[in-house]
C-alpha atoms as a PDB file:
ATOM      1  CA  MET A   1       9.383  -6.264 -22.004  1.00  0.00           C
ATOM      2  CA  SER A   2      11.551  -8.665 -20.043  1.00  0.00           C
ATOM      3  CA  ALA A   3      11.615 -12.418 -20.371  1.00  0.00           C
ATOM      4  CA  LEU A   4      12.181 -15.105 -17.799  1.00  0.00           C
ATOM      5  CA  VAL A   5      15.151 -17.268 -18.681  1.00  0.00           C
ATOM      6  CA  PHE A   6      15.581 -20.706 -17.171  1.00  0.00           C
ATOM      7  CA  ASP A   7      18.627 -22.847 -17.785  1.00  0.00           C
ATOM      8  CA  HIS A   8      18.736 -26.613 -17.350  1.00  0.00           C
ATOM      9  CA  ASN A   9      19.700 -26.221 -13.651  1.00  0.00           C
ATOM     10  CA  THR A  10      16.761 -24.001 -12.687  1.00  0.00           C
ATOM     11  CA  PRO A  11      14.079 -25.810 -10.703  1.00  0.00           C
ATOM     12  CA  ILE A  12      11.045 -24.439 -12.553  1.00  0.00           C
ATOM     13  CA  VAL A  13       8.466 -25.539  -9.984  1.00  0.00           C
ATOM     14  CA  GLY A  14      10.350 -23.924  -7.103  1.00  0.00           C
ATOM     15  CA  SER A  15      10.970 -20.753  -9.082  1.00  0.00           C
ATOM     16  CA  ALA A  16       7.353 -20.518 -10.208  1.00  0.00           C
ATOM     17  CA  SER A  17       6.174 -21.150  -6.672  1.00  0.00           C
ATOM     18  CA  ARG A  18       8.427 -18.400  -5.308  1.00  0.00           C
ATOM     19  CA  MET A  19       7.299 -16.043  -8.069  1.00  0.00           C
ATOM     20  CA  ILE A  20       3.626 -16.663  -7.339  1.00  0.00           C
ATOM     21  CA  SER A  21       4.270 -16.295  -3.621  1.00  0.00           C
ATOM     22  CA  ASN A  22       6.042 -12.964  -4.197  1.00  0.00           C
ATOM     23  CA  VAL A  23       3.228 -11.653  -6.393  1.00  0.00           C
ATOM     24  CA  LEU A  24       0.513 -12.722  -3.961  1.00  0.00           C
ATOM     25  CA  GLY A  25       2.503 -11.411  -1.010  1.00  0.00           C
ATOM     26  CA  GLY A  26       2.950  -8.080  -2.741  1.00  0.00           C
ATOM     27  CA  ALA A  27      -0.751  -7.897  -3.570  1.00  0.00           C
ATOM     28  CA  ALA A  28      -1.679  -8.721   0.022  1.00  0.00           C
ATOM     29  CA  ASP A  29       0.734  -6.065   1.331  1.00  0.00           C
ATOM     30  CA  PHE A  30      -0.759  -3.517  -1.072  1.00  0.00           C
ATOM     31  CA  ALA A  31      -4.312  -4.370  -0.006  1.00  0.00           C
ATOM     32  CA  LEU A  32      -3.483  -4.174   3.707  1.00  0.00           C
ATOM     33  CA  ASN A  33      -1.633  -0.883   3.258  1.00  0.00           C
ATOM     34  CA  TYR A  34      -4.501   0.577   1.234  1.00  0.00           C
ATOM     35  CA  ALA A  35      -7.101  -0.547   3.790  1.00  0.00           C
ATOM     36  CA  SER A  36      -5.062   0.886   6.651  1.00  0.00           C
ATOM     37  CA  ARG A  37      -4.634   4.257   4.940  1.00  0.00           C
ATOM     38  CA  ALA A  38      -8.307   4.414   3.936  1.00  0.00           C
ATOM     39  CA  ARG A  39      -9.297   3.717   7.549  1.00  0.00           C
ATOM     40  CA  ALA A  40      -6.902   6.415   8.815  1.00  0.00           C
ATOM     41  CA  GLU A  41      -8.296   8.940   6.311  1.00  0.00           C
ATOM     42  CA  LYS A  42     -11.854   8.145   7.373  1.00  0.00           C
ATOM     43  CA  GLN A  43     -10.983   8.453  11.075  1.00  0.00           C
ATOM     44  CA  LEU A  44      -9.194  11.779  10.584  1.00  0.00           C
ATOM     45  CA  ALA A  45     -12.085  13.092   8.476  1.00  0.00           C
ATOM     46  CA  SER A  46     -14.459  12.269  11.336  1.00  0.00           C
ATOM     47  CA  LEU A  47     -12.607  14.654  13.685  1.00  0.00           C
ATOM     48  CA  ASP A  48     -13.879  18.193  14.019  1.00  0.00           C
ATOM     49  CA  ASP A  49     -11.683  21.144  13.007  1.00  0.00           C
ATOM     50  CA  ARG A  50     -10.668  21.896  16.617  1.00  0.00           C
ATOM     51  CA  MET A  51      -9.445  18.331  17.138  1.00  0.00           C
ATOM     52  CA  LEU A  52      -7.522  18.439  13.865  1.00  0.00           C
ATOM     53  CA  ALA A  53      -5.942  21.737  14.940  1.00  0.00           C
ATOM     54  CA  ASP A  54      -4.906  20.090  18.227  1.00  0.00           C
ATOM     55  CA  ILE A  55      -2.794  17.620  16.261  1.00  0.00           C
ATOM     56  CA  GLY A  56      -1.476  20.286  13.907  1.00  0.00           C
ATOM     57  CA  MET A  57      -3.633  19.506  10.901  1.00  0.00           C
ATOM     58  CA  GLU A  58      -6.272  21.190   8.806  1.00  0.00           C
ATOM     59  CA  ARG A  59      -9.037  19.340   7.017  1.00  0.00           C
ATOM     60  CA  SER A  60      -7.393  20.077   3.672  1.00  0.00           C
ATOM     61  CA  ASP A  61      -4.218  18.276   4.876  1.00  0.00           C
ATOM     62  CA  ILE A  62      -5.847  14.924   5.560  1.00  0.00           C
ATOM     63  CA  HIS A  63      -5.552  13.313   2.132  1.00  0.00           C
ATOM     64  CA  SER A  64      -1.928  14.316   1.537  1.00  0.00           C
ATOM     65  CA  LYS A  65      -0.850  13.381   5.072  1.00  0.00           C
ATOM     66  CA  VAL A  66      -2.388   9.923   4.774  1.00  0.00           C
ATOM     67  CA  TRP A  67      -1.525   9.104   1.159  1.00  0.00           C
ATOM     68  CA  GLY A  68       1.609  11.203   0.666  1.00  0.00           C
ATOM     69  CA  SER A  69       2.213  13.623  -2.155  1.00  0.00           C
ATOM     70  CA  ARG A  70       0.932  11.228  -4.841  1.00  0.00           C
ATOM     71  CA  SER A  71      -2.791  10.666  -5.080  1.00  0.00           C
ATOM     72  CA  ARG A  72      -4.421   7.238  -5.015  1.00  0.00           C
END
């Protein structure tokens, strides 16, 4: 576990504000990325097999193409 160390010159309010901003920004980025990928997966799943073949995909490829090699 790591600890936050502040010396007497560290503006705690500014640092805390930046930290909170970074955490919230990261959470917002994660949520937007997740929503975008979920929407893409749903749209690809709605295509028929011929349409998927036209773009070089099979139905079994959809999840890994959208989410990468790691699962959700």
